[in-house]
PDB file of all heavy atoms in Angstrom:
ATOM      1  N   ILE A   1     -30.673 -23.919  15.032  1.00  0.00           N
ATOM      2  CA  ILE A   1     -29.454 -24.310  15.747  1.00  0.00           C
ATOM      3  C   ILE A   1     -28.733 -23.062  16.247  1.00  0.00           C
ATOM      4  O   ILE A   1     -28.260 -23.018  17.382  1.00  0.00           O
ATOM      5  CB  ILE A   1     -28.537 -25.152  14.838  1.00  0.00           C
ATOM      6  CG1 ILE A   1     -29.216 -26.464  14.461  1.00  0.00           C
ATOM      7  CG2 ILE A   1     -27.206 -25.420  15.521  1.00  0.00           C
ATOM      8  CD1 ILE A   1     -28.474 -27.281  13.423  1.00  0.00           C
ATOM      9  N   LEU A   2     -28.672 -22.028  15.414  1.00  0.00           N
ATOM     10  CA  LEU A   2     -27.992 -20.792  15.800  1.00  0.00           C
ATOM     11  C   LEU A   2     -28.699 -20.121  16.979  1.00  0.00           C
ATOM     12  O   LEU A   2     -28.065 -19.743  17.958  1.00  0.00           O
ATOM     13  CB  LEU A   2     -27.905 -19.825  14.622  1.00  0.00           C
ATOM     14  CG  LEU A   2     -27.232 -18.490  14.898  1.00  0.00           C
ATOM     15  CD1 LEU A   2     -25.769 -18.699  15.272  1.00  0.00           C
ATOM     16  CD2 LEU A   2     -27.345 -17.571  13.702  1.00  0.00           C
ATOM     17  N   PHE A   3     -30.011 -19.990  16.910  1.00  0.00           N
ATOM     18  CA  PHE A   3     -30.744 -19.322  17.986  1.00  0.00           C
ATOM     19  C   PHE A   3     -30.744 -20.135  19.277  1.00  0.00           C
ATOM     20  O   PHE A   3     -30.862 -19.575  20.360  1.00  0.00           O
ATOM     21  CB  PHE A   3     -32.163 -18.980  17.561  1.00  0.00           C
ATOM     22  CG  PHE A   3     -32.224 -17.875  16.546  1.00  0.00           C
ATOM     23  CD1 PHE A   3     -33.004 -18.007  15.414  1.00  0.00           C
ATOM     24  CD2 PHE A   3     -31.500 -16.714  16.714  1.00  0.00           C
ATOM     25  CE1 PHE A   3     -33.061 -16.996  14.467  1.00  0.00           C
ATOM     26  CE2 PHE A   3     -31.542 -15.698  15.782  1.00  0.00           C
ATOM     27  CZ  PHE A   3     -32.326 -15.833  14.655  1.00  0.00           C
ATOM     28  N   SER A   4     -30.599 -21.450  19.173  1.00  0.00           N
ATOM     29  CA  SER A   4     -30.550 -22.268  20.383  1.00  0.00           C
ATOM     30  C   SER A   4     -29.272 -22.014  21.184  1.00  0.00           C
ATOM     31  O   SER A   4     -29.222 -22.326  22.373  1.00  0.00           O
ATOM     32  CB  SER A   4     -30.668 -23.749  20.037  1.00  0.00           C
ATOM     33  OG  SER A   4     -29.479 -24.220  19.422  1.00  0.00           O
ATOM     34  N   GLN A   5     -28.267 -21.435  20.559  1.00  0.00           N
ATOM     35  CA  GLN A   5     -27.020 -21.126  21.260  1.00  0.00           C
ATOM     36  C   GLN A   5     -27.201 -19.996  22.273  1.00  0.00           C
ATOM     37  O   GLN A   5     -26.377 -19.834  23.169  1.00  0.00           O
ATOM     38  CB  GLN A   5     -25.920 -20.745  20.264  1.00  0.00           C
ATOM     39  CG  GLN A   5     -25.609 -21.804  19.250  1.00  0.00           C
ATOM     40  CD  GLN A   5     -25.198 -23.119  19.859  1.00  0.00           C
ATOM     41  OE1 GLN A   5     -24.377 -23.154  20.767  1.00  0.00           O
ATOM     42  NE2 GLN A   5     -25.781 -24.200  19.381  1.00  0.00           N
ATOM     43  N   PHE A   6     -28.253 -19.217  22.139  1.00  0.00           N
ATOM     44  CA  PHE A   6     -28.486 -18.075  23.019  1.00  0.00           C
ATOM     45  C   PHE A   6     -29.452 -18.380  24.157  1.00  0.00           C
ATOM     46  O   PHE A   6     -29.925 -17.478  24.831  1.00  0.00           O
ATOM     47  CB  PHE A   6     -29.011 -16.882  22.202  1.00  0.00           C
ATOM     48  CG  PHE A   6     -28.011 -16.380  21.198  1.00  0.00           C
ATOM     49  CD1 PHE A   6     -28.109 -16.749  19.876  1.00  0.00           C
ATOM     50  CD2 PHE A   6     -26.980 -15.555  21.589  1.00  0.00           C
ATOM     51  CE1 PHE A   6     -27.182 -16.298  18.947  1.00  0.00           C
ATOM     52  CE2 PHE A   6     -26.048 -15.092  20.680  1.00  0.00           C
ATOM     53  CZ  PHE A   6     -26.156 -15.469  19.357  1.00  0.00           C
ATOM     54  N   ARG A   7     -29.750 -19.659  24.388  1.00  0.00           N
ATOM     55  CA  ARG A   7     -30.717 -20.030  25.417  1.00  0.00           C
ATOM     56  C   ARG A   7     -30.067 -20.503  26.708  1.00  0.00           C
ATOM     57  O   ARG A   7     -30.731 -21.026  27.583  1.00  0.00           O
ATOM     58  CB  ARG A   7     -31.638 -21.116  24.880  1.00  0.00           C
ATOM     59  CG  ARG A   7     -32.522 -20.584  23.776  1.00  0.00           C
ATOM     60  CD  ARG A   7     -33.439 -21.602  23.172  1.00  0.00           C
ATOM     61  NE  ARG A   7     -33.862 -22.624  24.100  1.00  0.00           N
ATOM     62  CZ  ARG A   7     -34.433 -23.739  23.733  1.00  0.00           C
ATOM     63  NH1 ARG A   7     -34.643 -23.984  22.477  1.00  0.00           N
ATOM     64  NH2 ARG A   7     -34.789 -24.635  24.632  1.00  0.00           N
ATOM     65  N   SER A   8     -28.786 -20.298  26.855  1.00  0.00           N
ATOM     66  CA  SER A   8     -28.061 -20.730  28.042  1.00  0.00           C
ATOM     67  C   SER A   8     -28.164 -19.672  29.145  1.00  0.00           C
ATOM     68  O   SER A   8     -28.221 -18.471  28.876  1.00  0.00           O
ATOM     69  CB  SER A   8     -26.594 -20.958  27.680  1.00  0.00           C
ATOM     70  OG  SER A   8     -25.791 -21.066  28.819  1.00  0.00           O
ATOM     71  N   SER A   9     -28.151 -20.118  30.385  1.00  0.00           N
ATOM     72  CA  SER A   9     -28.200 -19.172  31.497  1.00  0.00           C
ATOM     73  C   SER A   9     -26.922 -18.335  31.560  1.00  0.00           C
ATOM     74  O   SER A   9     -26.963 -17.170  31.968  1.00  0.00           O
ATOM     75  CB  SER A   9     -28.434 -19.909  32.815  1.00  0.00           C
ATOM     76  OG  SER A   9     -27.397 -20.842  33.037  1.00  0.00           O
ATOM     77  N   LEU A  10     -25.798 -18.893  31.153  1.00  0.00           N
ATOM     78  CA  LEU A  10     -24.551 -18.128  31.114  1.00  0.00           C
ATOM     79  C   LEU A  10     -24.652 -16.995  30.092  1.00  0.00           C
ATOM     80  O   LEU A  10     -24.182 -15.879  30.346  1.00  0.00           O
ATOM     81  CB  LEU A  10     -23.369 -19.035  30.778  1.00  0.00           C
ATOM     82  CG  LEU A  10     -22.018 -18.357  30.633  1.00  0.00           C
ATOM     83  CD1 LEU A  10     -21.609 -17.723  31.958  1.00  0.00           C
ATOM     84  CD2 LEU A  10     -20.975 -19.334  30.171  1.00  0.00           C
ATOM     85  N   ILE A  11     -25.289 -17.251  28.966  1.00  0.00           N
ATOM     86  CA  ILE A  11     -25.457 -16.212  27.949  1.00  0.00           C
ATOM     87  C   ILE A  11     -26.352 -15.106  28.488  1.00  0.00           C
ATOM     88  O   ILE A  11     -26.079 -13.920  28.275  1.00  0.00           O
ATOM     89  CB  ILE A  11     -26.025 -16.810  26.642  1.00  0.00           C
ATOM     90  CG1 ILE A  11     -25.029 -17.813  26.052  1.00  0.00           C
ATOM     91  CG2 ILE A  11     -26.351 -15.727  25.649  1.00  0.00           C
ATOM     92  CD1 ILE A  11     -23.687 -17.227  25.678  1.00  0.00           C
ATOM     93  N   PHE A  12     -27.428 -15.466  29.202  1.00  0.00           N
ATOM     94  CA  PHE A  12     -28.290 -14.443  29.802  1.00  0.00           C
ATOM     95  C   PHE A  12     -27.515 -13.589  30.798  1.00  0.00           C
ATOM     96  O   PHE A  12     -27.668 -12.373  30.837  1.00  0.00           O
ATOM     97  CB  PHE A  12     -29.497 -15.076  30.492  1.00  0.00           C
ATOM     98  CG  PHE A  12     -30.535 -15.599  29.545  1.00  0.00           C
ATOM     99  CD1 PHE A  12     -31.087 -16.849  29.734  1.00  0.00           C
ATOM    100  CD2 PHE A  12     -30.961 -14.850  28.455  1.00  0.00           C
ATOM    101  CE1 PHE A  12     -32.045 -17.338  28.859  1.00  0.00           C
ATOM    102  CE2 PHE A  12     -31.914 -15.325  27.588  1.00  0.00           C
ATOM    103  CZ  PHE A  12     -32.454 -16.571  27.783  1.00  0.00           C
ATOM    104  N   LEU A  13     -26.661 -14.230  31.588  1.00  0.00           N
ATOM    105  CA  LEU A  13     -25.841 -13.498  32.547  1.00  0.00           C
ATOM    106  C   LEU A  13     -24.880 -12.547  31.829  1.00  0.00           C
ATOM    107  O   LEU A  13     -24.707 -11.390  32.234  1.00  0.00           O
ATOM    108  CB  LEU A  13     -25.073 -14.478  33.431  1.00  0.00           C
ATOM    109  CG  LEU A  13     -24.215 -13.884  34.532  1.00  0.00           C
ATOM    110  CD1 LEU A  13     -25.101 -13.158  35.537  1.00  0.00           C
ATOM    111  CD2 LEU A  13     -23.421 -14.977  35.208  1.00  0.00           C
ATOM    112  N   LEU A  14     -24.269 -13.016  30.749  1.00  0.00           N
ATOM    113  CA  LEU A  14     -23.367 -12.154  29.984  1.00  0.00           C
ATOM    114  C   LEU A  14     -24.118 -11.005  29.313  1.00  0.00           C
ATOM    115  O   LEU A  14     -23.599  -9.884  29.218  1.00  0.00           O
ATOM    116  CB  LEU A  14     -22.610 -12.972  28.938  1.00  0.00           C
ATOM    117  CG  LEU A  14     -21.479 -13.845  29.467  1.00  0.00           C
ATOM    118  CD1 LEU A  14     -20.948 -14.754  28.373  1.00  0.00           C
ATOM    119  CD2 LEU A  14     -20.371 -12.991  30.032  1.00  0.00           C
ATOM    120  N   LEU A  15     -25.335 -11.252  28.843  1.00  0.00           N
ATOM    121  CA  LEU A  15     -26.137 -10.170  28.252  1.00  0.00           C
ATOM    122  C   LEU A  15     -26.479  -9.102  29.286  1.00  0.00           C
ATOM    123  O   LEU A  15     -26.432  -7.901  28.988  1.00  0.00           O
ATOM    124  CB  LEU A  15     -27.413 -10.736  27.628  1.00  0.00           C
ATOM    125  CG  LEU A  15     -27.238 -11.469  26.303  1.00  0.00           C
ATOM    126  CD1 LEU A  15     -28.539 -12.168  25.907  1.00  0.00           C
ATOM    127  CD2 LEU A  15     -26.797 -10.512  25.214  1.00  0.00           C
ATOM    128  N   ILE A  16     -26.807  -9.538  30.500  1.00  0.00           N
ATOM    129  CA  ILE A  16     -27.083  -8.576  31.573  1.00  0.00           C
ATOM    130  C   ILE A  16     -25.830  -7.779  31.902  1.00  0.00           C
ATOM    131  O   ILE A  16     -25.891  -6.559  32.085  1.00  0.00           O
ATOM    132  CB  ILE A  16     -27.645  -9.305  32.813  1.00  0.00           C
ATOM    133  CG1 ILE A  16     -29.035  -9.848  32.517  1.00  0.00           C
ATOM    134  CG2 ILE A  16     -27.674  -8.398  34.029  1.00  0.00           C
ATOM    135  CD1 ILE A  16     -29.572 -10.793  33.564  1.00  0.00           C
ATOM    136  N   ALA A  17     -24.684  -8.463  31.948  1.00  0.00           N
ATOM    137  CA  ALA A  17     -23.427  -7.762  32.214  1.00  0.00           C
ATOM    138  C   ALA A  17     -23.116  -6.768  31.101  1.00  0.00           C
ATOM    139  O   ALA A  17     -22.666  -5.644  31.372  1.00  0.00           O
ATOM    140  CB  ALA A  17     -22.293  -8.769  32.356  1.00  0.00           C
ATOM    141  N   MET A  18     -23.370  -7.159  29.862  1.00  0.00           N
ATOM    142  CA  MET A  18     -23.123  -6.264  28.738  1.00  0.00           C
ATOM    143  C   MET A  18     -24.025  -5.031  28.821  1.00  0.00           C
ATOM    144  O   MET A  18     -23.560  -3.897  28.655  1.00  0.00           O
ATOM    145  CB  MET A  18     -23.359  -6.979  27.409  1.00  0.00           C
ATOM    146  CG  MET A  18     -23.095  -6.103  26.197  1.00  0.00           C
ATOM    147  SD  MET A  18     -23.701  -6.799  24.666  1.00  0.00           S
ATOM    148  CE  MET A  18     -25.453  -6.652  24.884  1.00  0.00           C
ATOM    149  N   LEU A  19     -25.307  -5.238  29.088  1.00  0.00           N
ATOM    150  CA  LEU A  19     -26.233  -4.114  29.202  1.00  0.00           C
ATOM    151  C   LEU A  19     -25.858  -3.188  30.353  1.00  0.00           C
ATOM    152  O   LEU A  19     -25.930  -1.965  30.227  1.00  0.00           O
ATOM    153  CB  LEU A  19     -27.664  -4.622  29.363  1.00  0.00           C
ATOM    154  CG  LEU A  19     -28.276  -5.262  28.123  1.00  0.00           C
ATOM    155  CD1 LEU A  19     -29.636  -5.866  28.468  1.00  0.00           C
ATOM    156  CD2 LEU A  19     -28.395  -4.258  27.005  1.00  0.00           C
ATOM    157  N   THR A  20     -25.427  -3.797  31.456  1.00  0.00           N
ATOM    158  CA  THR A  20     -25.023  -2.992  32.612  1.00  0.00           C
ATOM    159  C   THR A  20     -23.810  -2.131  32.272  1.00  0.00           C
ATOM    160  O   THR A  20     -23.781  -0.941  32.602  1.00  0.00           O
ATOM    161  CB  THR A  20     -24.712  -3.907  33.816  1.00  0.00           C
ATOM    162  OG1 THR A  20     -25.855  -4.709  34.086  1.00  0.00           O
ATOM    163  CG2 THR A  20     -24.341  -3.093  35.033  1.00  0.00           C
ATOM    164  N   THR A  21     -22.823  -2.709  31.618  1.00  0.00           N
ATOM    165  CA  THR A  21     -21.633  -1.927  31.273  1.00  0.00           C
ATOM    166  C   THR A  21     -21.953  -0.849  30.248  1.00  0.00           C
ATOM    167  O   THR A  21     -21.381   0.239  30.298  1.00  0.00           O
ATOM    168  CB  THR A  21     -20.499  -2.818  30.748  1.00  0.00           C
ATOM    169  OG1 THR A  21     -20.957  -3.557  29.620  1.00  0.00           O
ATOM    170  CG2 THR A  21     -19.988  -3.757  31.822  1.00  0.00           C
ATOM    171  N   LEU A  22     -22.878  -1.124  29.340  1.00  0.00           N
ATOM    172  CA  LEU A  22     -23.255  -0.100  28.365  1.00  0.00           C
ATOM    173  C   LEU A  22     -24.023   1.036  29.044  1.00  0.00           C
ATOM    174  O   LEU A  22     -23.828   2.211  28.704  1.00  0.00           O
ATOM    175  CB  LEU A  22     -24.085  -0.716  27.237  1.00  0.00           C
ATOM    176  CG  LEU A  22     -23.327  -1.641  26.287  1.00  0.00           C
ATOM    177  CD1 LEU A  22     -24.281  -2.251  25.271  1.00  0.00           C
ATOM    178  CD2 LEU A  22     -22.202  -0.906  25.579  1.00  0.00           C
ATOM    179  N   ILE A  23     -24.893   0.714  30.009  1.00  0.00           N
ATOM    180  CA  ILE A  23     -25.647   1.740  30.725  1.00  0.00           C
ATOM    181  C   ILE A  23     -24.700   2.614  31.548  1.00  0.00           C
ATOM    182  O   ILE A  23     -24.858   3.833  31.608  1.00  0.00           O
ATOM    183  CB  ILE A  23     -26.731   1.089  31.609  1.00  0.00           C
ATOM    184  CG1 ILE A  23     -27.838   0.527  30.734  1.00  0.00           C
ATOM    185  CG2 ILE A  23     -27.295   2.090  32.611  1.00  0.00           C
ATOM    186  CD1 ILE A  23     -28.846  -0.337  31.467  1.00  0.00           C
ATOM    187  N   VAL A  24     -23.703   1.980  32.156  1.00  0.00           N
ATOM    188  CA  VAL A  24     -22.736   2.720  32.961  1.00  0.00           C
ATOM    189  C   VAL A  24     -21.868   3.606  32.073  1.00  0.00           C
ATOM    190  O   VAL A  24     -21.370   4.638  32.515  1.00  0.00           O
ATOM    191  CB  VAL A  24     -21.881   1.730  33.790  1.00  0.00           C
ATOM    192  CG1 VAL A  24     -20.699   2.410  34.438  1.00  0.00           C
ATOM    193  CG2 VAL A  24     -22.731   1.044  34.834  1.00  0.00           C
ATOM    194  N   GLY A  25     -21.716   3.226  30.832  1.00  0.00           N
ATOM    195  CA  GLY A  25     -20.940   4.036  29.901  1.00  0.00           C
ATOM    196  C   GLY A  25     -19.600   3.442  29.526  1.00  0.00           C
ATOM    197  O   GLY A  25     -18.807   4.081  28.848  1.00  0.00           O
ATOM    198  N   ASP A  26     -19.336   2.222  29.947  1.00  0.00           N
ATOM    199  CA  ASP A  26     -18.081   1.567  29.603  1.00  0.00           C
ATOM    200  C   ASP A  26     -18.289   0.762  28.319  1.00  0.00           C
ATOM    201  O   ASP A  26     -18.464  -0.448  28.333  1.00  0.00           O
ATOM    202  CB  ASP A  26     -17.639   0.668  30.751  1.00  0.00           C
ATOM    203  CG  ASP A  26     -16.188   0.251  30.645  1.00  0.00           C
ATOM    204  OD1 ASP A  26     -15.537   0.602  29.649  1.00  0.00           O
ATOM    205  OD2 ASP A  26     -15.712  -0.433  31.569  1.00  0.00           O
ATOM    206  N   PHE A  27     -18.259   1.470  27.199  1.00  0.00           N
ATOM    207  CA  PHE A  27     -18.602   0.870  25.910  1.00  0.00           C
ATOM    208  C   PHE A  27     -17.591  -0.181  25.463  1.00  0.00           C
ATOM    209  O   PHE A  27     -17.956  -1.166  24.830  1.00  0.00           O
ATOM    210  CB  PHE A  27     -18.762   1.948  24.848  1.00  0.00           C
ATOM    211  CG  PHE A  27     -19.902   2.879  25.142  1.00  0.00           C
ATOM    212  CD1 PHE A  27     -19.673   4.183  25.547  1.00  0.00           C
ATOM    213  CD2 PHE A  27     -21.214   2.443  25.037  1.00  0.00           C
ATOM    214  CE1 PHE A  27     -20.720   5.027  25.835  1.00  0.00           C
ATOM    215  CE2 PHE A  27     -22.271   3.271  25.321  1.00  0.00           C
ATOM    216  CZ  PHE A  27     -22.030   4.577  25.729  1.00  0.00           C
ATOM    217  N   ARG A  28     -16.326   0.032  25.787  1.00  0.00           N
ATOM    218  CA  ARG A  28     -15.301  -0.928  25.367  1.00  0.00           C
ATOM    219  C   ARG A  28     -15.544  -2.299  25.999  1.00  0.00           C
ATOM    220  O   ARG A  28     -15.504  -3.325  25.312  1.00  0.00           O
ATOM    221  CB  ARG A  28     -13.917  -0.412  25.738  1.00  0.00           C
ATOM    222  CG  ARG A  28     -12.808  -1.257  25.132  1.00  0.00           C
ATOM    223  CD  ARG A  28     -11.469  -0.741  25.521  1.00  0.00           C
ATOM    224  NE  ARG A  28     -11.244  -1.210  26.891  1.00  0.00           N
ATOM    225  CZ  ARG A  28     -10.174  -0.970  27.588  1.00  0.00           C
ATOM    226  NH1 ARG A  28      -9.235  -0.208  27.095  1.00  0.00           N
ATOM    227  NH2 ARG A  28     -10.034  -1.444  28.802  1.00  0.00           N
ATOM    228  N   ASP A  29     -15.800  -2.327  27.300  1.00  0.00           N
ATOM    229  CA  ASP A  29     -16.079  -3.604  27.962  1.00  0.00           C
ATOM    230  C   ASP A  29     -17.370  -4.235  27.441  1.00  0.00           C
ATOM    231  O   ASP A  29     -17.460  -5.452  27.299  1.00  0.00           O
ATOM    232  CB  ASP A  29     -16.166  -3.422  29.476  1.00  0.00           C
ATOM    233  CG  ASP A  29     -14.803  -3.233  30.116  1.00  0.00           C
ATOM    234  OD1 ASP A  29     -13.786  -3.501  29.443  1.00  0.00           O
ATOM    235  OD2 ASP A  29     -14.759  -2.795  31.284  1.00  0.00           O
ATOM    236  N   GLY A  30     -18.374  -3.414  27.156  1.00  0.00           N
ATOM    237  CA  GLY A  30     -19.620  -3.932  26.590  1.00  0.00           C
ATOM    238  C   GLY A  30     -19.416  -4.594  25.251  1.00  0.00           C
ATOM    239  O   GLY A  30     -19.976  -5.651  24.967  1.00  0.00           O
ATOM    240  N   VAL A  31     -18.561  -4.001  24.430  1.00  0.00           N
ATOM    241  CA  VAL A  31     -18.263  -4.578  23.113  1.00  0.00           C
ATOM    242  C   VAL A  31     -17.476  -5.881  23.269  1.00  0.00           C
ATOM    243  O   VAL A  31     -17.716  -6.854  22.553  1.00  0.00           O
ATOM    244  CB  VAL A  31     -17.499  -3.563  22.232  1.00  0.00           C
ATOM    245  CG1 VAL A  31     -16.959  -4.217  20.975  1.00  0.00           C
ATOM    246  CG2 VAL A  31     -18.407  -2.392  21.877  1.00  0.00           C
ATOM    247  N   PHE A  32     -16.558  -5.928  24.226  1.00  0.00           N
ATOM    248  CA  PHE A  32     -15.805  -7.160  24.460  1.00  0.00           C
ATOM    249  C   PHE A  32     -16.716  -8.281  24.954  1.00  0.00           C
ATOM    250  O   PHE A  32     -16.569  -9.442  24.547  1.00  0.00           O
ATOM    251  CB  PHE A  32     -14.678  -6.938  25.459  1.00  0.00           C
ATOM    252  CG  PHE A  32     -13.473  -6.271  24.857  1.00  0.00           C
ATOM    253  CD1 PHE A  32     -12.925  -5.153  25.457  1.00  0.00           C
ATOM    254  CD2 PHE A  32     -12.897  -6.747  23.694  1.00  0.00           C
ATOM    255  CE1 PHE A  32     -11.810  -4.535  24.909  1.00  0.00           C
ATOM    256  CE2 PHE A  32     -11.787  -6.135  23.138  1.00  0.00           C
ATOM    257  CZ  PHE A  32     -11.239  -5.026  23.743  1.00  0.00           C
ATOM    258  N   ILE A  33     -17.653  -7.951  25.823  1.00  0.00           N
ATOM    259  CA  ILE A  33     -18.600  -8.968  26.301  1.00  0.00           C
ATOM    260  C   ILE A  33     -19.470  -9.451  25.148  1.00  0.00           C
ATOM    261  O   ILE A  33     -19.708 -10.652  24.998  1.00  0.00           O
ATOM    262  CB  ILE A  33     -19.452  -8.426  27.467  1.00  0.00           C
ATOM    263  CG1 ILE A  33     -18.574  -8.154  28.691  1.00  0.00           C
ATOM    264  CG2 ILE A  33     -20.569  -9.409  27.824  1.00  0.00           C
ATOM    265  CD1 ILE A  33     -19.289  -7.428  29.810  1.00  0.00           C
ATOM    266  N   LEU A  34     -19.926  -8.529  24.305  1.00  0.00           N
ATOM    267  CA  LEU A  34     -20.707  -8.918  23.126  1.00  0.00           C
ATOM    268  C   LEU A  34     -19.885  -9.819  22.211  1.00  0.00           C
ATOM    269  O   LEU A  34     -20.398 -10.805  21.673  1.00  0.00           O
ATOM    270  CB  LEU A  34     -21.187  -7.681  22.371  1.00  0.00           C
ATOM    271  CG  LEU A  34     -21.972  -7.939  21.095  1.00  0.00           C
ATOM    272  CD1 LEU A  34     -23.256  -8.704  21.390  1.00  0.00           C
ATOM    273  CD2 LEU A  34     -22.270  -6.632  20.376  1.00  0.00           C
ATOM    274  N   GLY A  35     -18.614  -9.496  22.042  1.00  0.00           N
ATOM    275  CA  GLY A  35     -17.736 -10.340  21.227  1.00  0.00           C
ATOM    276  C   GLY A  35     -17.614 -11.740  21.799  1.00  0.00           C
ATOM    277  O   GLY A  35     -17.636 -12.727  21.057  1.00  0.00           O
ATOM    278  N   ALA A  36     -17.496 -11.846  23.125  1.00  0.00           N
ATOM    279  CA  ALA A  36     -17.417 -13.167  23.763  1.00  0.00           C
ATOM    280  C   ALA A  36     -18.701 -13.954  23.549  1.00  0.00           C
ATOM    281  O   ALA A  36     -18.665 -15.165  23.283  1.00  0.00           O
ATOM    282  CB  ALA A  36     -17.132 -13.009  25.255  1.00  0.00           C
ATOM    283  N   ILE A  37     -19.837 -13.275  23.630  1.00  0.00           N
ATOM    284  CA  ILE A  37     -21.127 -13.935  23.408  1.00  0.00           C
ATOM    285  C   ILE A  37     -21.210 -14.458  21.974  1.00  0.00           C
ATOM    286  O   ILE A  37     -21.606 -15.604  21.732  1.00  0.00           O
ATOM    287  CB  ILE A  37     -22.292 -12.972  23.708  1.00  0.00           C
ATOM    288  CG1 ILE A  37     -22.363 -12.659  25.193  1.00  0.00           C
ATOM    289  CG2 ILE A  37     -23.616 -13.550  23.220  1.00  0.00           C
ATOM    290  CD1 ILE A  37     -23.321 -11.536  25.547  1.00  0.00           C
ATOM    291  N   LEU A  38     -20.823 -13.628  21.013  1.00  0.00           N
ATOM    292  CA  LEU A  38     -20.906 -14.030  19.605  1.00  0.00           C
ATOM    293  C   LEU A  38     -19.927 -15.144  19.264  1.00  0.00           C
ATOM    294  O   LEU A  38     -20.272 -16.078  18.526  1.00  0.00           O
ATOM    295  CB  LEU A  38     -20.682 -12.815  18.706  1.00  0.00           C
ATOM    296  CG  LEU A  38     -21.766 -11.743  18.774  1.00  0.00           C
ATOM    297  CD1 LEU A  38     -21.391 -10.548  17.900  1.00  0.00           C
ATOM    298  CD2 LEU A  38     -23.117 -12.317  18.370  1.00  0.00           C
ATOM    299  N   ILE A  39     -18.707 -15.070  19.797  1.00  0.00           N
ATOM    300  CA  ILE A  39     -17.731 -16.135  19.539  1.00  0.00           C
ATOM    301  C   ILE A  39     -18.225 -17.451  20.123  1.00  0.00           C
ATOM    302  O   ILE A  39     -18.145 -18.503  19.475  1.00  0.00           O
ATOM    303  CB  ILE A  39     -16.354 -15.744  20.109  1.00  0.00           C
ATOM    304  CG1 ILE A  39     -15.733 -14.639  19.248  1.00  0.00           C
ATOM    305  CG2 ILE A  39     -15.418 -16.950  20.173  1.00  0.00           C
ATOM    306  CD1 ILE A  39     -14.481 -14.023  19.839  1.00  0.00           C
ATOM    307  N   ASN A  40     -18.754 -17.406  21.331  1.00  0.00           N
ATOM    308  CA  ASN A  40     -19.303 -18.609  21.953  1.00  0.00           C
ATOM    309  C   ASN A  40     -20.445 -19.190  21.117  1.00  0.00           C
ATOM    310  O   ASN A  40     -20.520 -20.401  20.910  1.00  0.00           O
ATOM    311  CB  ASN A  40     -19.794 -18.284  23.365  1.00  0.00           C
ATOM    312  CG  ASN A  40     -20.408 -19.481  24.042  1.00  0.00           C
ATOM    313  OD1 ASN A  40     -19.810 -20.535  24.095  1.00  0.00           O
ATOM    314  ND2 ASN A  40     -21.618 -19.309  24.541  1.00  0.00           N
TER     315      ASN A  40
END
């Protein structure tokens, strides 16, 4: 049930956004996006 929560297309989009912000170097925004993913 827990792993099925990560199969949404919105979650994939947020993961890509998180990775992009981490690659760019904006760690604070990456952590906030990760927090939103985990809370969801």
